[in-house]
Amino acid sequence: LSWTDIRDIDAVGGYARTTMATLAASGGMPGNRYAFDPAVAAPYFRDLLDAAGVPVLWSDGVETVDRTDRAIREIITRSGVRAHGRIFIDASYEGDLMARAGISTRVGREAADRANPYNGYRGSRYELLTRTDPPQKDNILPIDPFVDQPSGRLIAGVDPAPNRPVGAADDGVQAYCFRLTMTDRPELRLDLPATAPDGYREADYELLFRDFDRRRRAGQLYGRDWHFARDLVKADEVAPGIYDINNRGTMSLDAVGLNRAYPAADYDARERIWKAHENYIRG
């Protein structure tokens, strides 16, 4: 993650600060102490592991966890690797080791209570804009969300407003995307495939087309009034001519709704969800 979500490296200490500062100095933007070219990160971590004599076993997920009382004694990966140890640390995104060990889990937002009044569903942006005095309805994008008005069917990427009170729990998780590395340096250019990815459907991008049309009807010209790297994605320069590309705007890199089942899915299902996200962005 070459554009780290901080604003001041002086808020960071320990190995995290050392790592970020070292990577920024070896392949980053002059004067930026925490952004770096992601190409320098993997070799840096490999060198740290080699220097410390840490063996690395790449696996394809935890299949079985053997416990004695409350302590993990052994894990078995999907590829059959058995690992014994006195201490196991789950430092993954998914938390599968903890889940396989029987630790209770919860997916989604917890409900609000007296101790945590801002938990749970917070309402929609539409509700917030219409409750202001005066209402800020002009800030709502004038995009028709329906495939056709008579049927009431919604286009891809648009869901009905949740029927739940503010503060209620839900099972939603933040949308996923791949952070892309892009460049405007000709010597680093790699052309994208000329063919569409598997499962491509033009209708899945209707929200994007309608956003383009909204801009056109408002008299906005691409290249003059709006740009790819400012309005369609969030582009942060992490090294000269190399950019970390993140989601921004009405429709961008986030494949909204595709990840709902991911946290509790098995590995085969996760692979399909992963590939669906990749194909969405390639599309």
C-alpha atoms as a PDB file:
ATOM      1  CA  LEU A   1       0.000   0.000   0.000  1.00  0.00           C
ATOM      2  CA  SER A   2       2.322   2.655  -1.292  1.00  0.00           C
ATOM      3  CA  TRP A   3       0.132   5.660  -0.407  1.00  0.00           C
ATOM      4  CA  THR A   4      -0.360   5.119   3.319  1.00  0.00           C
ATOM      5  CA  ASP A   5      -3.422   6.555   5.060  1.00  0.00           C
ATOM      6  CA  ILE A   6      -1.588   9.023   7.287  1.00  0.00           C
ATOM      7  CA  ARG A   7      -0.938  12.716   7.076  1.00  0.00           C
ATOM      8  CA  ASP A   8       2.114  12.992   9.327  1.00  0.00           C
ATOM      9  CA  ILE A   9       4.812  10.348   9.689  1.00  0.00           C
ATOM     10  CA  ASP A  10       5.673  11.822  13.096  1.00  0.00           C
ATOM     11  CA  ALA A  11       2.523  10.111  14.382  1.00  0.00           C
ATOM     12  CA  VAL A  12       4.155   6.735  13.602  1.00  0.00           C
ATOM     13  CA  GLY A  13       6.965   5.012  15.464  1.00  0.00           C
ATOM     14  CA  GLY A  14       8.839   1.725  15.730  1.00  0.00           C
ATOM     15  CA  TYR A  15       9.355  -0.623  12.789  1.00  0.00           C
ATOM     16  CA  ALA A  16       6.417   0.917  10.933  1.00  0.00           C
ATOM     17  CA  ARG A  17       8.155   4.305  10.793  1.00  0.00           C
ATOM     18  CA  THR A  18      11.508   2.735   9.919  1.00  0.00           C
ATOM     19  CA  THR A  19       9.929   0.737   7.096  1.00  0.00           C
ATOM     20  CA  MET A  20       8.006   3.649   5.601  1.00  0.00           C
ATOM     21  CA  ALA A  21      10.945   6.048   5.846  1.00  0.00           C
ATOM     22  CA  THR A  22      13.378   3.536   4.327  1.00  0.00           C
ATOM     23  CA  LEU A  23      11.072   2.735   1.410  1.00  0.00           C
ATOM     24  CA  ALA A  24      10.309   6.411   0.789  1.00  0.00           C
ATOM     25  CA  ALA A  25      14.026   7.221   0.729  1.00  0.00           C
ATOM     26  CA  SER A  26      14.863   4.354  -1.643  1.00  0.00           C
ATOM     27  CA  GLY A  27      12.089   4.887  -4.172  1.00  0.00           C
ATOM     28  CA  GLY A  28       9.648   7.689  -3.458  1.00  0.00           C
ATOM     29  CA  MET A  29       8.805  11.305  -4.093  1.00  0.00           C
ATOM     30  CA  PRO A  30      11.418  13.861  -2.966  1.00  0.00           C
ATOM     31  CA  GLY A  31      10.254  15.446   0.262  1.00  0.00           C
ATOM     32  CA  ASN A  32       7.550  12.837   0.965  1.00  0.00           C
ATOM     33  CA  ARG A  33       8.528  10.703   3.938  1.00  0.00           C
ATOM     34  CA  TYR A  34       5.927   7.944   3.644  1.00  0.00           C
ATOM     35  CA  ALA A  35       4.995   7.390  -0.034  1.00  0.00           C
ATOM     36  CA  PHE A  36       7.042   4.987  -2.152  1.00  0.00           C
ATOM     37  CA  ASP A  37       7.170   2.988  -5.365  1.00  0.00           C
ATOM     38  CA  PRO A  38       5.573  -0.377  -4.463  1.00  0.00           C
ATOM     39  CA  ALA A  39       8.224  -2.170  -6.536  1.00  0.00           C
ATOM     40  CA  VAL A  40      10.789  -1.512  -3.775  1.00  0.00           C
ATOM     41  CA  ALA A  41       8.642  -2.940  -0.954  1.00  0.00           C
ATOM     42  CA  ALA A  42       8.735  -6.702  -1.587  1.00  0.00           C
ATOM     43  CA  PRO A  43      12.568  -6.906  -1.829  1.00  0.00           C
ATOM     44  CA  TYR A  44      12.851  -4.863   1.359  1.00  0.00           C
ATOM     45  CA  PHE A  45      10.672  -7.287   3.321  1.00  0.00           C
ATOM     46  CA  ARG A  46      12.464 -10.303   1.868  1.00  0.00           C
ATOM     47  CA  ASP A  47      15.794  -8.816   2.977  1.00  0.00           C
ATOM     48  CA  LEU A  48      14.477  -8.286   6.526  1.00  0.00           C
ATOM     49  CA  LEU A  49      13.298 -11.909   6.722  1.00  0.00           C
ATOM     50  CA  ASP A  50      16.592 -13.247   5.362  1.00  0.00           C
ATOM     51  CA  ALA A  51      18.635 -11.118   7.776  1.00  0.00           C
ATOM     52  CA  ALA A  52      16.612 -12.390  10.735  1.00  0.00           C
ATOM     53  CA  GLY A  53      16.732 -16.015   9.552  1.00  0.00           C
ATOM     54  CA  VAL A  54      12.939 -16.299   9.371  1.00  0.00           C
ATOM     55  CA  PRO A  55      11.748 -19.214   7.230  1.00  0.00           C
ATOM     56  CA  VAL A  56       8.711 -18.482   5.056  1.00  0.00           C
ATOM     57  CA  LEU A  57       6.206 -21.150   4.006  1.00  0.00           C
ATOM     58  CA  TRP A  58       3.739 -19.891   1.415  1.00  0.00           C
ATOM     59  CA  SER A  59       0.345 -21.517   1.827  1.00  0.00           C
ATOM     60  CA  ASP A  60      -3.118 -21.387   0.347  1.00  0.00           C
ATOM     61  CA  GLY A  61      -5.063 -20.981   3.577  1.00  0.00           C
ATOM     62  CA  VAL A  62      -5.663 -22.597   6.954  1.00  0.00           C
ATOM     63  CA  GLU A  63      -7.719 -25.806   6.756  1.00  0.00           C
ATOM     64  CA  THR A  64      -7.500 -27.256  10.279  1.00  0.00           C
ATOM     65  CA  VAL A  65      -6.535 -25.915  13.695  1.00  0.00           C
ATOM     66  CA  ASP A  66      -5.634 -28.347  16.496  1.00  0.00           C
ATOM     67  CA  ARG A  67      -6.139 -26.962  20.005  1.00  0.00           C
ATOM     68  CA  THR A  68      -5.388 -28.238  23.466  1.00  0.00           C
ATOM     69  CA  ASP A  69      -7.624 -26.449  25.934  1.00  0.00           C
ATOM     70  CA  ARG A  70      -7.415 -22.821  24.748  1.00  0.00           C
ATOM     71  CA  ALA A  71      -3.988 -23.065  23.082  1.00  0.00           C
ATOM     72  CA  ILE A  72      -3.296 -23.742  19.395  1.00  0.00           C
ATOM     73  CA  ARG A  73      -0.806 -26.587  19.005  1.00  0.00           C
ATOM     74  CA  GLU A  74      -0.817 -27.209  15.263  1.00  0.00           C
ATOM     75  CA  ILE A  75      -2.294 -25.866  12.048  1.00  0.00           C
ATOM     76  CA  ILE A  76      -2.691 -27.621   8.712  1.00  0.00           C
ATOM     77  CA  THR A  77      -2.895 -25.638   5.498  1.00  0.00           C
ATOM     78  CA  ARG A  78      -4.996 -26.529   2.448  1.00  0.00           C
ATOM     79  CA  SER A  79      -1.820 -27.737   0.711  1.00  0.00           C
ATOM     80  CA  GLY A  80      -1.095 -30.125   3.602  1.00  0.00           C
ATOM     81  CA  VAL A  81       1.681 -28.221   5.376  1.00  0.00           C
ATOM     82  CA  ARG A  82       1.616 -28.937   9.127  1.00  0.00           C
ATOM     83  CA  ALA A  83       3.005 -26.251  11.446  1.00  0.00           C
ATOM     84  CA  HIS A  84       3.653 -26.779  15.167  1.00  0.00           C
ATOM     85  CA  GLY A  85       4.357 -23.871  17.460  1.00  0.00           C
ATOM     86  CA  ARG A  86       4.146 -22.386  20.929  1.00  0.00           C
ATOM     87  CA  ILE A  87       2.734 -19.094  19.629  1.00  0.00           C
ATOM     88  CA  PHE A  88       0.574 -18.394  16.585  1.00  0.00           C
ATOM     89  CA  ILE A  89      -0.175 -14.839  15.415  1.00  0.00           C
ATOM     90  CA  ASP A  90      -2.970 -14.118  12.961  1.00  0.00           C
ATOM     91  CA  ALA A  91      -1.800 -10.973  11.151  1.00  0.00           C
ATOM     92  CA  SER A  92      -3.893 -11.557   8.043  1.00  0.00           C
ATOM     93  CA  TYR A  93      -6.699  -9.508   6.545  1.00  0.00           C
ATOM     94  CA  GLU A  94      -9.287 -12.282   6.800  1.00  0.00           C
ATOM     95  CA  GLY A  95      -8.604 -13.666  10.273  1.00  0.00           C
ATOM     96  CA  ASP A  96      -9.019 -17.294   9.184  1.00  0.00           C
ATOM     97  CA  LEU A  97      -6.681 -18.717  11.823  1.00  0.00           C
ATOM     98  CA  MET A  98      -8.753 -17.121  14.590  1.00  0.00           C
ATOM     99  CA  ALA A  99     -12.001 -18.265  12.984  1.00  0.00           C
ATOM    100  CA  ARG A 100     -10.777 -21.863  12.538  1.00  0.00           C
ATOM    101  CA  ALA A 101      -9.665 -21.802  16.189  1.00  0.00           C
ATOM    102  CA  GLY A 102     -13.263 -21.203  17.243  1.00  0.00           C
ATOM    103  CA  ILE A 103     -13.002 -17.557  18.230  1.00  0.00           C
ATOM    104  CA  SER A 104     -16.391 -15.861  17.890  1.00  0.00           C
ATOM    105  CA  THR A 105     -16.722 -13.478  14.984  1.00  0.00           C
ATOM    106  CA  ARG A 106     -19.146 -10.871  13.727  1.00  0.00           C
ATOM    107  CA  VAL A 107     -19.433  -9.367  10.248  1.00  0.00           C
ATOM    108  CA  GLY A 108     -20.810  -5.896   9.635  1.00  0.00           C
ATOM    109  CA  ARG A 109     -21.534  -2.880  11.785  1.00  0.00           C
ATOM    110  CA  GLU A 110     -22.442  -3.334  15.432  1.00  0.00           C
ATOM    111  CA  ALA A 111     -25.584  -1.638  16.689  1.00  0.00           C
ATOM    112  CA  ALA A 112     -25.341   1.661  18.508  1.00  0.00           C
ATOM    113  CA  ASP A 113     -25.663   1.686  22.288  1.00  0.00           C
ATOM    114  CA  ARG A 114     -25.119   4.148  25.129  1.00  0.00           C
ATOM    115  CA  ALA A 115     -21.383   3.497  25.183  1.00  0.00           C
ATOM    116  CA  ASN A 116     -21.021   3.650  21.374  1.00  0.00           C
ATOM    117  CA  PRO A 117     -23.726   5.978  20.049  1.00  0.00           C
ATOM    118  CA  TYR A 118     -22.182   6.267  16.570  1.00  0.00           C
ATOM    119  CA  ASN A 119     -22.141   2.542  15.811  1.00  0.00           C
ATOM    120  CA  GLY A 120     -24.568   1.009  13.344  1.00  0.00           C
ATOM    121  CA  TYR A 121     -26.258   2.334  10.233  1.00  0.00           C
ATOM    122  CA  ARG A 122     -25.773   6.093   9.911  1.00  0.00           C
ATOM    123  CA  GLY A 123     -28.418   6.867   7.296  1.00  0.00           C
ATOM    124  CA  SER A 124     -27.880   7.721   3.650  1.00  0.00           C
ATOM    125  CA  ARG A 125     -26.173  10.776   2.212  1.00  0.00           C
ATOM    126  CA  TYR A 126     -29.523  11.679   0.653  1.00  0.00           C
ATOM    127  CA  GLU A 127     -31.139  11.828   4.089  1.00  0.00           C
ATOM    128  CA  LEU A 128     -28.329  14.006   5.424  1.00  0.00           C
ATOM    129  CA  LEU A 129     -28.601  16.438   2.524  1.00  0.00           C
ATOM    130  CA  THR A 130     -32.383  16.777   2.759  1.00  0.00           C
ATOM    131  CA  ARG A 131     -32.330  17.300   6.545  1.00  0.00           C
ATOM    132  CA  THR A 132     -30.110  20.375   6.360  1.00  0.00           C
ATOM    133  CA  ASP A 133     -31.600  23.869   6.547  1.00  0.00           C
ATOM    134  CA  PRO A 134     -31.901  24.793   3.755  1.00  0.00           C
ATOM    135  CA  PRO A 135     -31.856  21.326   2.097  1.00  0.00           C
ATOM    136  CA  GLN A 136     -28.746  20.726  -0.029  1.00  0.00           C
ATOM    137  CA  LYS A 137     -30.568  18.886  -2.799  1.00  0.00           C
ATOM    138  CA  ASP A 138     -28.335  20.542  -5.394  1.00  0.00           C
ATOM    139  CA  ASN A 139     -25.472  18.348  -4.152  1.00  0.00           C
ATOM    140  CA  ILE A 140     -27.323  15.165  -5.114  1.00  0.00           C
ATOM    141  CA  LEU A 141     -26.232  13.804  -8.498  1.00  0.00           C
ATOM    142  CA  PRO A 142     -29.062  14.042 -11.051  1.00  0.00           C
ATOM    143  CA  ILE A 143     -28.706  10.478 -12.340  1.00  0.00           C
ATOM    144  CA  ASP A 144     -31.714   8.277 -13.107  1.00  0.00           C
ATOM    145  CA  PRO A 145     -31.128   5.031 -11.146  1.00  0.00           C
ATOM    146  CA  PHE A 146     -33.743   2.920 -12.970  1.00  0.00           C
ATOM    147  CA  VAL A 147     -33.357   0.579 -15.927  1.00  0.00           C
ATOM    148  CA  ASP A 148     -36.820   1.808 -16.853  1.00  0.00           C
ATOM    149  CA  GLN A 149     -39.334   3.684 -14.746  1.00  0.00           C
ATOM    150  CA  PRO A 150     -42.369   1.356 -15.214  1.00  0.00           C
ATOM    151  CA  SER A 151     -40.592  -1.758 -13.930  1.00  0.00           C
ATOM    152  CA  GLY A 152     -38.770  -0.023 -11.092  1.00  0.00           C
ATOM    153  CA  ARG A 153     -35.679  -2.161 -11.775  1.00  0.00           C
ATOM    154  CA  LEU A 154     -32.439  -0.509 -10.667  1.00  0.00           C
ATOM    155  CA  ILE A 155     -29.278  -0.371 -12.764  1.00  0.00           C
ATOM    156  CA  ALA A 156     -26.155  -2.255 -11.670  1.00  0.00           C
ATOM    157  CA  GLY A 157     -24.379  -0.678  -8.713  1.00  0.00           C
ATOM    158  CA  VAL A 158     -27.524   0.896  -7.232  1.00  0.00           C
ATOM    159  CA  ASP A 159     -29.407  -0.665  -4.311  1.00  0.00           C
ATOM    160  CA  PRO A 160     -32.682   0.379  -2.684  1.00  0.00           C
ATOM    161  CA  ALA A 161     -32.331   2.562   0.401  1.00  0.00           C
ATOM    162  CA  PRO A 162     -31.906   0.343   3.490  1.00  0.00           C
ATOM    163  CA  ASN A 163     -35.093  -0.166   5.454  1.00  0.00           C
ATOM    164  CA  ARG A 164     -33.514   0.144   8.897  1.00  0.00           C
ATOM    165  CA  PRO A 165     -33.350   2.831  11.562  1.00  0.00           C
ATOM    166  CA  VAL A 166     -30.226   4.877  12.237  1.00  0.00           C
ATOM    167  CA  GLY A 167     -28.065   2.995  14.720  1.00  0.00           C
ATOM    168  CA  ALA A 168     -29.213  -0.482  13.665  1.00  0.00           C
ATOM    169  CA  ALA A 169     -26.691  -3.266  13.069  1.00  0.00           C
ATOM    170  CA  ASP A 170     -26.177  -4.635   9.574  1.00  0.00           C
ATOM    171  CA  ASP A 171     -24.100  -7.241   7.747  1.00  0.00           C
ATOM    172  CA  GLY A 172     -22.468  -4.866   5.270  1.00  0.00           C
ATOM    173  CA  VAL A 173     -18.728  -4.534   4.776  1.00  0.00           C
ATOM    174  CA  GLN A 174     -16.838  -1.705   3.123  1.00  0.00           C
ATOM    175  CA  ALA A 175     -16.516  -2.126  -0.643  1.00  0.00           C
ATOM    176  CA  TYR A 176     -13.328  -3.717  -1.950  1.00  0.00           C
ATOM    177  CA  CYS A 177     -11.075  -2.629  -4.782  1.00  0.00           C
ATOM    178  CA  PHE A 178      -7.617  -3.321  -6.107  1.00  0.00           C
ATOM    179  CA  ARG A 179      -5.248  -0.409  -5.611  1.00  0.00           C
ATOM    180  CA  LEU A 180      -3.640   0.041  -9.026  1.00  0.00           C
ATOM    181  CA  THR A 181      -0.150   1.272  -9.847  1.00  0.00           C
ATOM    182  CA  MET A 182      -0.197   3.467 -12.945  1.00  0.00           C
ATOM    183  CA  THR A 183       2.373   5.617 -14.723  1.00  0.00           C
ATOM    184  CA  ASP A 184       2.652   8.392 -17.283  1.00  0.00           C
ATOM    185  CA  ARG A 185       6.281   7.491 -18.059  1.00  0.00           C
ATOM    186  CA  PRO A 186       6.435   6.056 -21.606  1.00  0.00           C
ATOM    187  CA  GLU A 187       9.386   3.746 -20.864  1.00  0.00           C
ATOM    188  CA  LEU A 188       7.335   1.933 -18.188  1.00  0.00           C
ATOM    189  CA  ARG A 189       4.193   1.557 -20.288  1.00  0.00           C
ATOM    190  CA  LEU A 190       2.451  -1.806 -20.563  1.00  0.00           C
ATOM    191  CA  ASP A 191      -0.566  -1.881 -22.831  1.00  0.00           C
ATOM    192  CA  LEU A 192      -3.828  -3.222 -21.454  1.00  0.00           C
ATOM    193  CA  PRO A 193      -5.447  -6.187 -23.260  1.00  0.00           C
ATOM    194  CA  ALA A 194      -7.561  -5.188 -26.241  1.00  0.00           C
ATOM    195  CA  THR A 195     -10.233  -7.780 -25.414  1.00  0.00           C
ATOM    196  CA  ALA A 196     -12.809  -7.621 -22.650  1.00  0.00           C
ATOM    197  CA  PRO A 197     -12.355  -9.872 -19.578  1.00  0.00           C
ATOM    198  CA  ASP A 198     -14.429 -13.003 -18.985  1.00  0.00           C
ATOM    199  CA  GLY A 199     -18.016 -12.258 -18.087  1.00  0.00           C
ATOM    200  CA  TYR A 200     -17.904  -8.647 -19.285  1.00  0.00           C
ATOM    201  CA  ARG A 201     -21.331  -7.005 -19.503  1.00  0.00           C
ATOM    202  CA  GLU A 202     -21.668  -3.440 -20.679  1.00  0.00           C
ATOM    203  CA  ALA A 203     -24.757  -3.035 -18.481  1.00  0.00           C
ATOM    204  CA  ASP A 204     -22.589  -3.403 -15.366  1.00  0.00           C
ATOM    205  CA  TYR A 205     -21.112   0.037 -16.165  1.00  0.00           C
ATOM    206  CA  GLU A 206     -24.373   1.873 -16.874  1.00  0.00           C
ATOM    207  CA  LEU A 207     -23.917   4.112 -13.825  1.00  0.00           C
ATOM    208  CA  LEU A 208     -20.585   5.271 -15.245  1.00  0.00           C
ATOM    209  CA  PHE A 209     -22.141   5.980 -18.660  1.00  0.00           C
ATOM    210  CA  ARG A 210     -24.931   7.986 -17.053  1.00  0.00           C
ATOM    211  CA  ASP A 211     -22.405   9.982 -15.052  1.00  0.00           C
ATOM    212  CA  PHE A 212     -20.564  10.810 -18.308  1.00  0.00           C
ATOM    213  CA  ASP A 213     -23.878  11.848 -19.872  1.00  0.00           C
ATOM    214  CA  ARG A 214     -24.722  14.029 -16.864  1.00  0.00           C
ATOM    215  CA  ARG A 215     -21.432  15.875 -17.276  1.00  0.00           C
ATOM    216  CA  ARG A 216     -22.007  16.292 -21.029  1.00  0.00           C
ATOM    217  CA  ARG A 217     -25.503  17.714 -20.529  1.00  0.00           C
ATOM    218  CA  ALA A 218     -24.077  20.166 -17.979  1.00  0.00           C
ATOM    219  CA  GLY A 219     -21.672  21.460 -20.629  1.00  0.00           C
ATOM    220  CA  GLN A 220     -18.586  19.911 -19.075  1.00  0.00           C
ATOM    221  CA  LEU A 221     -15.792  18.854 -21.428  1.00  0.00           C
ATOM    222  CA  TYR A 222     -13.379  16.051 -20.633  1.00  0.00           C
ATOM    223  CA  GLY A 223      -9.852  17.402 -20.329  1.00  0.00           C
ATOM    224  CA  ARG A 224     -11.073  20.881 -19.529  1.00  0.00           C
ATOM    225  CA  ASP A 225     -13.652  20.535 -16.746  1.00  0.00           C
ATOM    226  CA  TRP A 226     -12.984  17.005 -15.531  1.00  0.00           C
ATOM    227  CA  HIS A 227     -10.189  14.476 -15.759  1.00  0.00           C
ATOM    228  CA  PHE A 228      -9.556  10.779 -15.219  1.00  0.00           C
ATOM    229  CA  ALA A 229      -6.893  11.239 -12.531  1.00  0.00           C
ATOM    230  CA  ARG A 230      -8.888  13.801 -10.554  1.00  0.00           C
ATOM    231  CA  ASP A 231     -12.569  12.921 -10.941  1.00  0.00           C
ATOM    232  CA  LEU A 232     -12.803   9.208 -11.820  1.00  0.00           C
ATOM    233  CA  VAL A 233     -10.011   7.900  -9.592  1.00  0.00           C
ATOM    234  CA  LYS A 234      -7.835   9.189  -6.747  1.00  0.00           C
ATOM    235  CA  ALA A 235      -4.284   9.390  -8.112  1.00  0.00           C
ATOM    236  CA  ASP A 236      -1.441  10.016  -5.657  1.00  0.00           C
ATOM    237  CA  GLU A 237       2.110  10.294  -7.005  1.00  0.00           C
ATOM    238  CA  VAL A 238       4.283   7.956  -4.930  1.00  0.00           C
ATOM    239  CA  ALA A 239       7.427   8.160  -7.070  1.00  0.00           C
ATOM    240  CA  PRO A 240       8.262  10.346 -10.074  1.00  0.00           C
ATOM    241  CA  GLY A 241       5.642   9.494 -12.695  1.00  0.00           C
ATOM    242  CA  ILE A 242       4.268   6.523 -10.691  1.00  0.00           C
ATOM    243  CA  TYR A 243       0.859   6.774  -9.056  1.00  0.00           C
ATOM    244  CA  ASP A 244      -1.146   4.877  -6.458  1.00  0.00           C
ATOM    245  CA  ILE A 245      -4.688   4.719  -7.878  1.00  0.00           C
ATOM    246  CA  ASN A 246      -7.621   4.459  -5.460  1.00  0.00           C
ATOM    247  CA  ASN A 247     -11.401   4.688  -5.676  1.00  0.00           C
ATOM    248  CA  ARG A 248     -13.129   8.051  -6.063  1.00  0.00           C
ATOM    249  CA  GLY A 249     -16.522   9.315  -7.130  1.00  0.00           C
ATOM    250  CA  THR A 250     -19.860   7.940  -8.231  1.00  0.00           C
ATOM    251  CA  MET A 251     -18.435   4.857  -9.931  1.00  0.00           C
ATOM    252  CA  SER A 252     -14.749   4.024  -9.749  1.00  0.00           C
ATOM    253  CA  LEU A 253     -12.570   1.070  -8.703  1.00  0.00           C
ATOM    254  CA  ASP A 254     -14.847  -0.161  -5.898  1.00  0.00           C
ATOM    255  CA  ALA A 255     -16.922  -3.115  -7.087  1.00  0.00           C
ATOM    256  CA  VAL A 256     -19.853  -2.188  -4.854  1.00  0.00           C
ATOM    257  CA  GLY A 257     -21.822  -5.188  -3.605  1.00  0.00           C
ATOM    258  CA  LEU A 258     -19.564  -7.962  -4.941  1.00  0.00           C
ATOM    259  CA  ASN A 259     -17.868  -8.575  -1.587  1.00  0.00           C
ATOM    260  CA  ARG A 260     -20.860  -9.147   0.696  1.00  0.00           C
ATOM    261  CA  ALA A 261     -20.206 -12.890   1.084  1.00  0.00           C
ATOM    262  CA  TYR A 262     -16.401 -12.703   1.160  1.00  0.00           C
ATOM    263  CA  PRO A 263     -15.576 -12.612   4.910  1.00  0.00           C
ATOM    264  CA  ALA A 264     -17.380 -15.883   5.739  1.00  0.00           C
ATOM    265  CA  ALA A 265     -16.867 -17.608   2.369  1.00  0.00           C
ATOM    266  CA  ASP A 266     -14.714 -20.692   1.840  1.00  0.00           C
ATOM    267  CA  TYR A 267     -11.515 -20.414  -0.155  1.00  0.00           C
ATOM    268  CA  ASP A 268     -12.996 -21.523  -3.472  1.00  0.00           C
ATOM    269  CA  ALA A 269     -15.788 -18.950  -3.179  1.00  0.00           C
ATOM    270  CA  ARG A 270     -13.297 -16.265  -2.198  1.00  0.00           C
ATOM    271  CA  GLU A 271     -11.257 -17.018  -5.291  1.00  0.00           C
ATOM    272  CA  ARG A 272     -14.344 -16.463  -7.437  1.00  0.00           C
ATOM    273  CA  ILE A 273     -15.125 -13.182  -5.619  1.00  0.00           C
ATOM    274  CA  TRP A 274     -11.495 -12.083  -5.999  1.00  0.00           C
ATOM    275  CA  LYS A 275     -11.586 -12.813  -9.730  1.00  0.00           C
ATOM    276  CA  ALA A 276     -14.917 -10.993 -10.114  1.00  0.00           C
ATOM    277  CA  HIS A 277     -13.321  -7.864  -8.618  1.00  0.00           C
ATOM    278  CA  GLU A 278     -10.347  -8.143 -10.952  1.00  0.00           C
ATOM    279  CA  ASN A 279     -12.575  -8.574 -13.993  1.00  0.00           C
ATOM    280  CA  TYR A 280     -14.747  -5.662 -12.906  1.00  0.00           C
ATOM    281  CA  ILE A 281     -11.747  -3.324 -12.851  1.00  0.00           C
ATOM    282  CA  ARG A 282     -10.379  -4.733 -16.127  1.00  0.00           C
ATOM    283  CA  GLY A 283     -13.828  -4.181 -17.655  1.00  0.00           C
END
